[in-house]
PDB file of all heavy atoms in Angstrom:
ATOM      1  N   ILE A   1       0.843  -1.189   0.000  1.00  0.00           N
ATOM      2  CA  ILE A   1       0.000   0.000   0.000  1.00  0.00           C
ATOM      3  C   ILE A   1       0.877   1.237   0.000  1.00  0.00           C
ATOM      4  O   ILE A   1       1.838   1.338   0.763  1.00  0.00           O
ATOM      5  CB  ILE A   1      -0.985   0.006   1.196  1.00  0.00           C
ATOM      6  CG1 ILE A   1      -1.920   1.220   1.127  1.00  0.00           C
ATOM      7  CG2 ILE A   1      -0.247  -0.031   2.530  1.00  0.00           C
ATOM      8  CD1 ILE A   1      -3.100   1.128   2.084  1.00  0.00           C
ATOM      9  N   SER A   2       0.544   2.194  -0.859  1.00  0.00           N
ATOM     10  CA  SER A   2       1.303   3.430  -0.969  1.00  0.00           C
ATOM     11  C   SER A   2       0.983   4.369   0.186  1.00  0.00           C
ATOM     12  O   SER A   2      -0.178   4.543   0.552  1.00  0.00           O
ATOM     13  CB  SER A   2       0.989   4.128  -2.290  1.00  0.00           C
ATOM     14  OG  SER A   2       1.530   5.432  -2.319  1.00  0.00           O
ATOM     15  N   GLY A   3       2.021   4.988   0.746  1.00  0.00           N
ATOM     16  CA  GLY A   3       1.819   5.949   1.816  1.00  0.00           C
ATOM     17  C   GLY A   3       1.273   7.283   1.337  1.00  0.00           C
ATOM     18  O   GLY A   3       0.798   8.077   2.151  1.00  0.00           O
ATOM     19  N   ARG A   4       1.320   7.548   0.041  1.00  0.00           N
ATOM     20  CA  ARG A   4       0.883   8.829  -0.501  1.00  0.00           C
ATOM     21  C   ARG A   4      -0.544   8.805  -1.026  1.00  0.00           C
ATOM     22  O   ARG A   4      -1.358   9.635  -0.635  1.00  0.00           O
ATOM     23  CB  ARG A   4       1.832   9.283  -1.606  1.00  0.00           C
ATOM     24  CG  ARG A   4       3.213   9.653  -1.101  1.00  0.00           C
ATOM     25  CD  ARG A   4       4.062  10.264  -2.191  1.00  0.00           C
ATOM     26  NE  ARG A   4       5.330  10.752  -1.660  1.00  0.00           N
ATOM     27  CZ  ARG A   4       6.262  11.354  -2.386  1.00  0.00           C
ATOM     28  NH1 ARG A   4       6.081  11.532  -3.683  1.00  0.00           N
ATOM     29  NH2 ARG A   4       7.380  11.774  -1.817  1.00  0.00           N
ATOM     30  N   ASP A   5      -0.849   7.870  -1.913  1.00  0.00           N
ATOM     31  CA  ASP A   5      -2.174   7.855  -2.526  1.00  0.00           C
ATOM     32  C   ASP A   5      -3.020   6.638  -2.153  1.00  0.00           C
ATOM     33  O   ASP A   5      -4.141   6.498  -2.641  1.00  0.00           O
ATOM     34  CB  ASP A   5      -2.068   7.971  -4.052  1.00  0.00           C
ATOM     35  CG  ASP A   5      -1.326   6.822  -4.703  1.00  0.00           C
ATOM     36  OD1 ASP A   5      -1.037   5.828  -4.018  1.00  0.00           O
ATOM     37  OD2 ASP A   5      -1.028   6.920  -5.909  1.00  0.00           O
ATOM     38  N   ARG A   6      -2.493   5.758  -1.325  1.00  0.00           N
ATOM     39  CA  ARG A   6      -3.197   4.574  -0.834  1.00  0.00           C
ATOM     40  C   ARG A   6      -3.534   3.565  -1.927  1.00  0.00           C
ATOM     41  O   ARG A   6      -4.408   2.714  -1.734  1.00  0.00           O
ATOM     42  CB  ARG A   6      -4.464   4.969  -0.082  1.00  0.00           C
ATOM     43  CG  ARG A   6      -4.199   5.797   1.167  1.00  0.00           C
ATOM     44  CD  ARG A   6      -3.488   4.955   2.224  1.00  0.00           C
ATOM     45  NE  ARG A   6      -3.306   5.685   3.473  1.00  0.00           N
ATOM     46  CZ  ARG A   6      -2.228   6.397   3.780  1.00  0.00           C
ATOM     47  NH1 ARG A   6      -1.206   6.469   2.928  1.00  0.00           N
ATOM     48  NH2 ARG A   6      -2.160   7.025   4.949  1.00  0.00           N
ATOM     49  N   SER A   7      -2.843   3.648  -3.049  1.00  0.00           N
ATOM     50  CA  SER A   7      -3.007   2.614  -4.058  1.00  0.00           C
ATOM     51  C   SER A   7      -2.474   1.296  -3.504  1.00  0.00           C
ATOM     52  O   SER A   7      -1.574   1.278  -2.658  1.00  0.00           O
ATOM     53  CB  SER A   7      -2.306   2.987  -5.357  1.00  0.00           C
ATOM     54  OG  SER A   7      -0.915   3.163  -5.148  1.00  0.00           O
ATOM     55  N   THR A   8      -3.024   0.192  -3.981  1.00  0.00           N
ATOM     56  CA  THR A   8      -2.692  -1.109  -3.411  1.00  0.00           C
ATOM     57  C   THR A   8      -2.370  -2.137  -4.479  1.00  0.00           C
ATOM     58  O   THR A   8      -2.755  -2.012  -5.644  1.00  0.00           O
ATOM     59  CB  THR A   8      -3.841  -1.662  -2.551  1.00  0.00           C
ATOM     60  OG1 THR A   8      -5.029  -1.762  -3.343  1.00  0.00           O
ATOM     61  CG2 THR A   8      -4.109  -0.758  -1.359  1.00  0.00           C
ATOM     62  N   TYR A   9      -1.652  -3.155  -4.048  1.00  0.00           N
ATOM     63  CA  TYR A   9      -1.383  -4.341  -4.847  1.00  0.00           C
ATOM     64  C   TYR A   9      -1.742  -5.564  -4.006  1.00  0.00           C
ATOM     65  O   TYR A   9      -1.476  -5.593  -2.799  1.00  0.00           O
ATOM     66  CB  TYR A   9       0.092  -4.421  -5.252  1.00  0.00           C
ATOM     67  CG  TYR A   9       0.504  -5.810  -5.671  1.00  0.00           C
ATOM     68  CD1 TYR A   9       0.262  -6.268  -6.963  1.00  0.00           C
ATOM     69  CD2 TYR A   9       1.097  -6.683  -4.759  1.00  0.00           C
ATOM     70  CE1 TYR A   9       0.608  -7.553  -7.338  1.00  0.00           C
ATOM     71  CE2 TYR A   9       1.447  -7.973  -5.129  1.00  0.00           C
ATOM     72  CZ  TYR A   9       1.196  -8.401  -6.423  1.00  0.00           C
ATOM     73  OH  TYR A   9       1.539  -9.679  -6.787  1.00  0.00           O
ATOM     74  N   TYR A  10      -2.330  -6.561  -4.648  1.00  0.00           N
ATOM     75  CA  TYR A  10      -2.571  -7.843  -4.007  1.00  0.00           C
ATOM     76  C   TYR A  10      -2.155  -8.974  -4.937  1.00  0.00           C
ATOM     77  O   TYR A  10      -2.445  -8.945  -6.139  1.00  0.00           O
ATOM     78  CB  TYR A  10      -4.044  -8.038  -3.669  1.00  0.00           C
ATOM     79  CG  TYR A  10      -4.567  -7.139  -2.572  1.00  0.00           C
ATOM     80  CD1 TYR A  10      -5.243  -5.964  -2.875  1.00  0.00           C
ATOM     81  CD2 TYR A  10      -4.394  -7.480  -1.240  1.00  0.00           C
ATOM     82  CE1 TYR A  10      -5.721  -5.149  -1.872  1.00  0.00           C
ATOM     83  CE2 TYR A  10      -4.873  -6.663  -0.230  1.00  0.00           C
ATOM     84  CZ  TYR A  10      -5.536  -5.497  -0.552  1.00  0.00           C
ATOM     85  OH  TYR A  10      -6.019  -4.688   0.446  1.00  0.00           O
ATOM     86  N   LEU A  11      -1.507  -9.966  -4.373  1.00  0.00           N
ATOM     87  CA  LEU A  11      -1.258 -11.210  -5.092  1.00  0.00           C
ATOM     88  C   LEU A  11      -2.602 -11.814  -5.486  1.00  0.00           C
ATOM     89  O   LEU A  11      -3.544 -11.827  -4.693  1.00  0.00           O
ATOM     90  CB  LEU A  11      -0.486 -12.164  -4.183  1.00  0.00           C
ATOM     91  CG  LEU A  11      -0.066 -13.516  -4.724  1.00  0.00           C
ATOM     92  CD1 LEU A  11       0.981 -13.366  -5.805  1.00  0.00           C
ATOM     93  CD2 LEU A  11       0.465 -14.371  -3.572  1.00  0.00           C
ATOM     94  N   ASP A  12      -2.712 -12.317  -6.711  1.00  0.00           N
ATOM     95  CA  ASP A  12      -3.986 -12.826  -7.199  1.00  0.00           C
ATOM     96  C   ASP A  12      -4.616 -13.848  -6.255  1.00  0.00           C
ATOM     97  O   ASP A  12      -5.827 -13.842  -6.034  1.00  0.00           O
ATOM     98  CB  ASP A  12      -3.821 -13.451  -8.586  1.00  0.00           C
ATOM     99  CG  ASP A  12      -3.711 -12.424  -9.686  1.00  0.00           C
ATOM    100  OD1 ASP A  12      -3.991 -11.236  -9.434  1.00  0.00           O
ATOM    101  OD2 ASP A  12      -3.348 -12.806 -10.809  1.00  0.00           O
ATOM    102  N   SER A  13      -3.807 -14.722  -5.685  1.00  0.00           N
ATOM    103  CA  SER A  13      -4.329 -15.799  -4.860  1.00  0.00           C
ATOM    104  C   SER A  13      -4.883 -15.332  -3.512  1.00  0.00           C
ATOM    105  O   SER A  13      -5.554 -16.107  -2.825  1.00  0.00           O
ATOM    106  CB  SER A  13      -3.261 -16.872  -4.631  1.00  0.00           C
ATOM    107  OG  SER A  13      -2.156 -16.355  -3.917  1.00  0.00           O
ATOM    108  N   VAL A  14      -4.620 -14.079  -3.120  1.00  0.00           N
ATOM    109  CA  VAL A  14      -5.138 -13.576  -1.851  1.00  0.00           C
ATOM    110  C   VAL A  14      -6.232 -12.533  -2.026  1.00  0.00           C
ATOM    111  O   VAL A  14      -6.828 -12.102  -1.031  1.00  0.00           O
ATOM    112  CB  VAL A  14      -4.021 -13.007  -0.948  1.00  0.00           C
ATOM    113  CG1 VAL A  14      -2.875 -13.999  -0.822  1.00  0.00           C
ATOM    114  CG2 VAL A  14      -3.519 -11.657  -1.456  1.00  0.00           C
ATOM    115  N   LYS A  15      -6.518 -12.134  -3.243  1.00  0.00           N
ATOM    116  CA  LYS A  15      -7.559 -11.137  -3.484  1.00  0.00           C
ATOM    117  C   LYS A  15      -8.903 -11.627  -2.958  1.00  0.00           C
ATOM    118  O   LYS A  15      -9.294 -12.768  -3.184  1.00  0.00           O
ATOM    119  CB  LYS A  15      -7.666 -10.819  -4.978  1.00  0.00           C
ATOM    120  CG  LYS A  15      -6.506 -10.014  -5.526  1.00  0.00           C
ATOM    121  CD  LYS A  15      -6.679  -9.728  -7.013  1.00  0.00           C
ATOM    122  CE  LYS A  15      -5.526  -8.897  -7.541  1.00  0.00           C
ATOM    123  NZ  LYS A  15      -5.645  -8.649  -9.001  1.00  0.00           N
ATOM    124  N   GLY A  16      -9.594 -10.751  -2.257  1.00  0.00           N
ATOM    125  CA  GLY A  16     -10.866 -11.101  -1.664  1.00  0.00           C
ATOM    126  C   GLY A  16     -10.757 -11.732  -0.300  1.00  0.00           C
ATOM    127  O   GLY A  16     -11.763 -11.866   0.406  1.00  0.00           O
ATOM    128  N   ARG A  17      -9.548 -12.131   0.099  1.00  0.00           N
ATOM    129  CA  ARG A  17      -9.325 -12.745   1.407  1.00  0.00           C
ATOM    130  C   ARG A  17      -8.471 -11.872   2.320  1.00  0.00           C
ATOM    131  O   ARG A  17      -8.698 -11.830   3.522  1.00  0.00           O
ATOM    132  CB  ARG A  17      -8.662 -14.113   1.257  1.00  0.00           C
ATOM    133  CG  ARG A  17      -9.477 -15.109   0.446  1.00  0.00           C
ATOM    134  CD  ARG A  17      -8.875 -16.511   0.514  1.00  0.00           C
ATOM    135  NE  ARG A  17      -7.545 -16.571  -0.086  1.00  0.00           N
ATOM    136  CZ  ARG A  17      -6.433 -16.918   0.566  1.00  0.00           C
ATOM    137  NH1 ARG A  17      -6.493 -17.249   1.851  1.00  0.00           N
ATOM    138  NH2 ARG A  17      -5.271 -16.955  -0.061  1.00  0.00           N
ATOM    139  N   PHE A  18      -7.478 -11.196   1.754  1.00  0.00           N
ATOM    140  CA  PHE A  18      -6.576 -10.346   2.526  1.00  0.00           C
ATOM    141  C   PHE A  18      -6.888  -8.877   2.263  1.00  0.00           C
ATOM    142  O   PHE A  18      -7.247  -8.501   1.143  1.00  0.00           O
ATOM    143  CB  PHE A  18      -5.117 -10.596   2.133  1.00  0.00           C
ATOM    144  CG  PHE A  18      -4.564 -11.942   2.512  1.00  0.00           C
ATOM    145  CD1 PHE A  18      -5.369 -12.968   2.986  1.00  0.00           C
ATOM    146  CD2 PHE A  18      -3.202 -12.179   2.388  1.00  0.00           C
ATOM    147  CE1 PHE A  18      -4.844 -14.202   3.326  1.00  0.00           C
ATOM    148  CE2 PHE A  18      -2.659 -13.409   2.724  1.00  0.00           C
ATOM    149  CZ  PHE A  18      -3.476 -14.417   3.193  1.00  0.00           C
ATOM    150  N   THR A  19      -6.714  -8.048   3.286  1.00  0.00           N
ATOM    151  CA  THR A  19      -6.885  -6.611   3.152  1.00  0.00           C
ATOM    152  C   THR A  19      -5.731  -5.891   3.822  1.00  0.00           C
ATOM    153  O   THR A  19      -5.448  -6.131   4.995  1.00  0.00           O
ATOM    154  CB  THR A  19      -8.208  -6.138   3.778  1.00  0.00           C
ATOM    155  OG1 THR A  19      -9.308  -6.831   3.187  1.00  0.00           O
ATOM    156  CG2 THR A  19      -8.390  -4.638   3.555  1.00  0.00           C
ATOM    157  N   ILE A  20      -5.068  -5.005   3.086  1.00  0.00           N
ATOM    158  CA  ILE A  20      -3.981  -4.225   3.649  1.00  0.00           C
ATOM    159  C   ILE A  20      -4.494  -2.836   4.001  1.00  0.00           C
ATOM    160  O   ILE A  20      -5.341  -2.275   3.304  1.00  0.00           O
ATOM    161  CB  ILE A  20      -2.777  -4.151   2.682  1.00  0.00           C
ATOM    162  CG1 ILE A  20      -1.540  -3.594   3.396  1.00  0.00           C
ATOM    163  CG2 ILE A  20      -3.106  -3.340   1.429  1.00  0.00           C
ATOM    164  CD1 ILE A  20      -0.247  -3.784   2.611  1.00  0.00           C
ATOM    165  N   SER A  21      -4.004  -2.283   5.101  1.00  0.00           N
ATOM    166  CA  SER A  21      -4.381  -0.938   5.516  1.00  0.00           C
ATOM    167  C   SER A  21      -3.208  -0.287   6.219  1.00  0.00           C
ATOM    168  O   SER A  21      -2.242  -0.951   6.617  1.00  0.00           O
ATOM    169  CB  SER A  21      -5.615  -0.965   6.422  1.00  0.00           C
ATOM    170  OG  SER A  21      -5.363  -1.696   7.609  1.00  0.00           O
ATOM    171  N   SER A  22      -3.289   1.034   6.377  1.00  0.00           N
ATOM    172  CA  SER A  22      -2.185   1.779   6.966  1.00  0.00           C
ATOM    173  C   SER A  22      -2.717   2.886   7.861  1.00  0.00           C
ATOM    174  O   SER A  22      -3.668   3.582   7.497  1.00  0.00           O
ATOM    175  CB  SER A  22      -1.309   2.369   5.860  1.00  0.00           C
ATOM    176  OG  SER A  22      -0.206   3.072   6.387  1.00  0.00           O
ATOM    177  N   ASP A  23      -2.115   3.047   9.023  1.00  0.00           N
ATOM    178  CA  ASP A  23      -2.458   4.104   9.972  1.00  0.00           C
ATOM    179  C   ASP A  23      -1.246   5.017  10.084  1.00  0.00           C
ATOM    180  O   ASP A  23      -0.260   4.672  10.743  1.00  0.00           O
ATOM    181  CB  ASP A  23      -2.822   3.504  11.323  1.00  0.00           C
ATOM    182  CG  ASP A  23      -3.320   4.538  12.312  1.00  0.00           C
ATOM    183  OD1 ASP A  23      -2.901   5.711  12.239  1.00  0.00           O
ATOM    184  OD2 ASP A  23      -4.130   4.175  13.181  1.00  0.00           O
ATOM    185  N   ASN A  24      -1.306   6.171   9.435  1.00  0.00           N
ATOM    186  CA  ASN A  24      -0.151   7.066   9.410  1.00  0.00           C
ATOM    187  C   ASN A  24       0.207   7.603  10.794  1.00  0.00           C
ATOM    188  O   ASN A  24       1.385   7.787  11.103  1.00  0.00           O
ATOM    189  CB  ASN A  24      -0.406   8.232   8.452  1.00  0.00           C
ATOM    190  CG  ASN A  24      -0.359   7.820   6.997  1.00  0.00           C
ATOM    191  OD1 ASN A  24      -0.181   6.652   6.674  1.00  0.00           O
ATOM    192  ND2 ASN A  24      -0.523   8.788   6.106  1.00  0.00           N
ATOM    193  N   ALA A  25      -0.792   7.863  11.627  1.00  0.00           N
ATOM    194  CA  ALA A  25      -0.538   8.380  12.962  1.00  0.00           C
ATOM    195  C   ALA A  25       0.255   7.387  13.802  1.00  0.00           C
ATOM    196  O   ALA A  25       1.119   7.773  14.589  1.00  0.00           O
ATOM    197  CB  ALA A  25      -1.845   8.737  13.654  1.00  0.00           C
ATOM    198  N   LYS A  26      -0.049   6.114  13.648  1.00  0.00           N
ATOM    199  CA  LYS A  26       0.649   5.066  14.386  1.00  0.00           C
ATOM    200  C   LYS A  26       1.864   4.524  13.646  1.00  0.00           C
ATOM    201  O   LYS A  26       2.604   3.708  14.204  1.00  0.00           O
ATOM    202  CB  LYS A  26      -0.303   3.918  14.697  1.00  0.00           C
ATOM    203  CG  LYS A  26      -1.445   4.286  15.622  1.00  0.00           C
ATOM    204  CD  LYS A  26      -2.324   3.075  15.909  1.00  0.00           C
ATOM    205  CE  LYS A  26      -3.438   3.421  16.867  1.00  0.00           C
ATOM    206  NZ  LYS A  26      -4.305   2.246  17.156  1.00  0.00           N
ATOM    207  N   LYS A  27       2.065   4.958  12.406  1.00  0.00           N
ATOM    208  CA  LYS A  27       3.152   4.453  11.563  1.00  0.00           C
ATOM    209  C   LYS A  27       3.130   2.931  11.525  1.00  0.00           C
ATOM    210  O   LYS A  27       4.162   2.267  11.678  1.00  0.00           O
ATOM    211  CB  LYS A  27       4.502   4.973  12.044  1.00  0.00           C
ATOM    212  CG  LYS A  27       4.644   6.478  11.939  1.00  0.00           C
ATOM    213  CD  LYS A  27       6.033   6.934  12.351  1.00  0.00           C
ATOM    214  CE  LYS A  27       6.178   8.435  12.193  1.00  0.00           C
ATOM    215  NZ  LYS A  27       7.536   8.902  12.581  1.00  0.00           N
ATOM    216  N   THR A  28       1.945   2.405  11.319  1.00  0.00           N
ATOM    217  CA  THR A  28       1.735   0.960  11.332  1.00  0.00           C
ATOM    218  C   THR A  28       0.933   0.524  10.118  1.00  0.00           C
ATOM    219  O   THR A  28      -0.041   1.180   9.748  1.00  0.00           O
ATOM    220  CB  THR A  28       1.007   0.524  12.611  1.00  0.00           C
ATOM    221  OG1 THR A  28       1.780   0.916  13.751  1.00  0.00           O
ATOM    222  CG2 THR A  28       0.809  -0.981  12.639  1.00  0.00           C
ATOM    223  N   THR A  29       1.347  -0.571   9.518  1.00  0.00           N
ATOM    224  CA  THR A  29       0.650  -1.179   8.396  1.00  0.00           C
ATOM    225  C   THR A  29       0.099  -2.525   8.845  1.00  0.00           C
ATOM    226  O   THR A  29       0.771  -3.279   9.546  1.00  0.00           O
ATOM    227  CB  THR A  29       1.590  -1.368   7.196  1.00  0.00           C
ATOM    228  OG1 THR A  29       2.155  -0.104   6.832  1.00  0.00           O
ATOM    229  CG2 THR A  29       0.841  -1.932   5.994  1.00  0.00           C
ATOM    230  N   TYR A  30      -1.130  -2.826   8.432  1.00  0.00           N
ATOM    231  CA  TYR A  30      -1.800  -4.047   8.849  1.00  0.00           C
ATOM    232  C   TYR A  30      -2.130  -4.921   7.645  1.00  0.00           C
ATOM    233  O   TYR A  30      -2.393  -4.429   6.552  1.00  0.00           O
ATOM    234  CB  TYR A  30      -3.110  -3.733   9.576  1.00  0.00           C
ATOM    235  CG  TYR A  30      -2.948  -2.813  10.761  1.00  0.00           C
ATOM    236  CD1 TYR A  30      -3.117  -1.440  10.626  1.00  0.00           C
ATOM    237  CD2 TYR A  30      -2.621  -3.318  12.014  1.00  0.00           C
ATOM    238  CE1 TYR A  30      -2.966  -0.592  11.712  1.00  0.00           C
ATOM    239  CE2 TYR A  30      -2.466  -2.481  13.099  1.00  0.00           C
ATOM    240  CZ  TYR A  30      -2.639  -1.114  12.948  1.00  0.00           C
ATOM    241  OH  TYR A  30      -2.489  -0.284  14.032  1.00  0.00           O
ATOM    242  N   LEU A  31      -2.134  -6.212   7.869  1.00  0.00           N
ATOM    243  CA  LEU A  31      -2.610  -7.158   6.873  1.00  0.00           C
ATOM    244  C   LEU A  31      -3.632  -8.063   7.536  1.00  0.00           C
ATOM    245  O   LEU A  31      -3.271  -8.918   8.352  1.00  0.00           O
ATOM    246  CB  LEU A  31      -1.462  -7.979   6.285  1.00  0.00           C
ATOM    247  CG  LEU A  31      -1.844  -8.914   5.137  1.00  0.00           C
ATOM    248  CD1 LEU A  31      -2.244  -8.093   3.894  1.00  0.00           C
ATOM    249  CD2 LEU A  31      -0.704  -9.861   4.792  1.00  0.00           C
ATOM    250  N   GLN A  32      -4.898  -7.844   7.211  1.00  0.00           N
ATOM    251  CA  GLN A  32      -5.973  -8.699   7.706  1.00  0.00           C
ATOM    252  C   GLN A  32      -6.101  -9.886   6.772  1.00  0.00           C
ATOM    253  O   GLN A  32      -6.352  -9.715   5.578  1.00  0.00           O
ATOM    254  CB  GLN A  32      -7.290  -7.930   7.769  1.00  0.00           C
ATOM    255  CG  GLN A  32      -8.477  -8.755   8.243  1.00  0.00           C
ATOM    256  CD  GLN A  32      -8.357  -9.185   9.676  1.00  0.00           C
ATOM    257  OE1 GLN A  32      -8.008  -8.383  10.549  1.00  0.00           O
ATOM    258  NE2 GLN A  32      -8.622 -10.456   9.944  1.00  0.00           N
ATOM    259  N   MET A  33      -5.929 -11.084   7.299  1.00  0.00           N
ATOM    260  CA  MET A  33      -5.950 -12.305   6.507  1.00  0.00           C
ATOM    261  C   MET A  33      -7.130 -13.157   6.942  1.00  0.00           C
ATOM    262  O   MET A  33      -7.168 -13.642   8.077  1.00  0.00           O
ATOM    263  CB  MET A  33      -4.642 -13.082   6.662  1.00  0.00           C
ATOM    264  CG  MET A  33      -3.398 -12.258   6.360  1.00  0.00           C
ATOM    265  SD  MET A  33      -1.876 -13.244   6.369  1.00  0.00           S
ATOM    266  CE  MET A  33      -1.841 -13.750   8.097  1.00  0.00           C
ATOM    267  N   ASN A  34      -8.085 -13.326   6.053  1.00  0.00           N
ATOM    268  CA  ASN A  34      -9.262 -14.130   6.314  1.00  0.00           C
ATOM    269  C   ASN A  34      -9.275 -15.356   5.411  1.00  0.00           C
ATOM    270  O   ASN A  34      -8.576 -15.409   4.405  1.00  0.00           O
ATOM    271  CB  ASN A  34     -10.537 -13.310   6.081  1.00  0.00           C
ATOM    272  CG  ASN A  34     -10.653 -12.120   6.996  1.00  0.00           C
ATOM    273  OD1 ASN A  34     -10.215 -12.152   8.141  1.00  0.00           O
ATOM    274  ND2 ASN A  34     -11.267 -11.047   6.492  1.00  0.00           N
ATOM    275  N   SER A  35     -10.093 -16.321   5.775  1.00  0.00           N
ATOM    276  CA  SER A  35     -10.247 -17.546   4.982  1.00  0.00           C
ATOM    277  C   SER A  35      -8.898 -18.158   4.635  1.00  0.00           C
ATOM    278  O   SER A  35      -8.623 -18.517   3.486  1.00  0.00           O
ATOM    279  CB  SER A  35     -11.049 -17.259   3.710  1.00  0.00           C
ATOM    280  OG  SER A  35     -12.328 -16.735   4.014  1.00  0.00           O
ATOM    281  N   LEU A  36      -8.053 -18.284   5.628  1.00  0.00           N
ATOM    282  CA  LEU A  36      -6.694 -18.764   5.404  1.00  0.00           C
ATOM    283  C   LEU A  36      -6.672 -20.198   4.904  1.00  0.00           C
ATOM    284  O   LEU A  36      -7.497 -21.020   5.294  1.00  0.00           O
ATOM    285  CB  LEU A  36      -5.877 -18.639   6.681  1.00  0.00           C
ATOM    286  CG  LEU A  36      -5.415 -17.214   6.990  1.00  0.00           C
ATOM    287  CD1 LEU A  36      -5.022 -17.081   8.447  1.00  0.00           C
ATOM    288  CD2 LEU A  36      -4.245 -16.833   6.081  1.00  0.00           C
ATOM    289  N   LYS A  37      -5.700 -20.467   4.047  1.00  0.00           N
ATOM    290  CA  LYS A  37      -5.512 -21.777   3.443  1.00  0.00           C
ATOM    291  C   LYS A  37      -4.126 -22.306   3.803  1.00  0.00           C
ATOM    292  O   LYS A  37      -3.217 -21.528   4.064  1.00  0.00           O
ATOM    293  CB  LYS A  37      -5.635 -21.674   1.918  1.00  0.00           C
ATOM    294  CG  LYS A  37      -6.946 -21.098   1.425  1.00  0.00           C
ATOM    295  CD  LYS A  37      -6.930 -20.930  -0.091  1.00  0.00           C
ATOM    296  CE  LYS A  37      -8.235 -20.353  -0.597  1.00  0.00           C
ATOM    297  NZ  LYS A  37      -8.220 -20.172  -2.074  1.00  0.00           N
ATOM    298  N   PRO A  38      -3.943 -23.633   3.792  1.00  0.00           N
ATOM    299  CA  PRO A  38      -2.619 -24.182   4.097  1.00  0.00           C
ATOM    300  C   PRO A  38      -1.512 -23.602   3.214  1.00  0.00           C
ATOM    301  O   PRO A  38      -0.384 -23.437   3.683  1.00  0.00           O
ATOM    302  CB  PRO A  38      -2.798 -25.684   3.856  1.00  0.00           C
ATOM    303  CG  PRO A  38      -4.237 -25.922   4.173  1.00  0.00           C
ATOM    304  CD  PRO A  38      -4.955 -24.698   3.653  1.00  0.00           C
ATOM    305  N   GLU A  39      -1.810 -23.285   1.975  1.00  0.00           N
ATOM    306  CA  GLU A  39      -0.803 -22.718   1.089  1.00  0.00           C
ATOM    307  C   GLU A  39      -0.402 -21.292   1.446  1.00  0.00           C
ATOM    308  O   GLU A  39       0.537 -20.747   0.868  1.00  0.00           O
ATOM    309  CB  GLU A  39      -1.260 -22.782  -0.382  1.00  0.00           C
ATOM    310  CG  GLU A  39      -2.635 -22.187  -0.623  1.00  0.00           C
ATOM    311  CD  GLU A  39      -3.732 -23.237  -0.666  1.00  0.00           C
ATOM    312  OE1 GLU A  39      -3.721 -24.151   0.181  1.00  0.00           O
ATOM    313  OE2 GLU A  39      -4.605 -23.153  -1.558  1.00  0.00           O
ATOM    314  N   ASP A  40      -1.095 -20.677   2.402  1.00  0.00           N
ATOM    315  CA  ASP A  40      -0.696 -19.375   2.914  1.00  0.00           C
ATOM    316  C   ASP A  40       0.413 -19.478   3.953  1.00  0.00           C
ATOM    317  O   ASP A  40       0.945 -18.453   4.390  1.00  0.00           O
ATOM    318  CB  ASP A  40      -1.887 -18.649   3.546  1.00  0.00           C
ATOM    319  CG  ASP A  40      -2.958 -18.280   2.536  1.00  0.00           C
ATOM    320  OD1 ASP A  40      -2.610 -17.833   1.426  1.00  0.00           O
ATOM    321  OD2 ASP A  40      -4.159 -18.430   2.876  1.00  0.00           O
ATOM    322  N   THR A  41       0.760 -20.677   4.361  1.00  0.00           N
ATOM    323  CA  THR A  41       1.790 -20.890   5.370  1.00  0.00           C
ATOM    324  C   THR A  41       3.137 -20.344   4.917  1.00  0.00           C
ATOM    325  O   THR A  41       3.546 -20.529   3.771  1.00  0.00           O
ATOM    326  CB  THR A  41       1.915 -22.384   5.690  1.00  0.00           C
ATOM    327  OG1 THR A  41       0.718 -22.830   6.341  1.00  0.00           O
ATOM    328  CG2 THR A  41       3.097 -22.660   6.605  1.00  0.00           C
ATOM    329  N   GLY A  42       3.822 -19.676   5.820  1.00  0.00           N
ATOM    330  CA  GLY A  42       5.145 -19.168   5.529  1.00  0.00           C
ATOM    331  C   GLY A  42       5.537 -18.092   6.519  1.00  0.00           C
ATOM    332  O   GLY A  42       4.763 -17.716   7.394  1.00  0.00           O
ATOM    333  N   VAL A  43       6.749 -17.609   6.374  1.00  0.00           N
ATOM    334  CA  VAL A  43       7.202 -16.470   7.156  1.00  0.00           C
ATOM    335  C   VAL A  43       6.824 -15.205   6.395  1.00  0.00           C
ATOM    336  O   VAL A  43       7.168 -15.058   5.219  1.00  0.00           O
ATOM    337  CB  VAL A  43       8.721 -16.508   7.414  1.00  0.00           C
ATOM    338  CG1 VAL A  43       9.163 -15.274   8.199  1.00  0.00           C
ATOM    339  CG2 VAL A  43       9.097 -17.776   8.161  1.00  0.00           C
ATOM    340  N   TYR A  44       6.116 -14.312   7.051  1.00  0.00           N
ATOM    341  CA  TYR A  44       5.668 -13.062   6.441  1.00  0.00           C
ATOM    342  C   TYR A  44       6.558 -11.916   6.895  1.00  0.00           C
ATOM    343  O   TYR A  44       6.769 -11.708   8.086  1.00  0.00           O
ATOM    344  CB  TYR A  44       4.212 -12.778   6.818  1.00  0.00           C
ATOM    345  CG  TYR A  44       3.216 -13.614   6.056  1.00  0.00           C
ATOM    346  CD1 TYR A  44       3.149 -14.990   6.246  1.00  0.00           C
ATOM    347  CD2 TYR A  44       2.345 -13.026   5.137  1.00  0.00           C
ATOM    348  CE1 TYR A  44       2.252 -15.766   5.532  1.00  0.00           C
ATOM    349  CE2 TYR A  44       1.440 -13.799   4.422  1.00  0.00           C
ATOM    350  CZ  TYR A  44       1.401 -15.173   4.633  1.00  0.00           C
ATOM    351  OH  TYR A  44       0.499 -15.938   3.925  1.00  0.00           O
TER     352      TYR A  44
END
């Protein structure tokens, strides 16, 4: 997610399941991951 215009990119396999967001005041970026699948396993 861009810090300037909030444009986003998602890997095709996670579209509709993952949502990225950013809180500028907290300087924190979040990744909400729903409907997780075994193939999502890994170090992020």
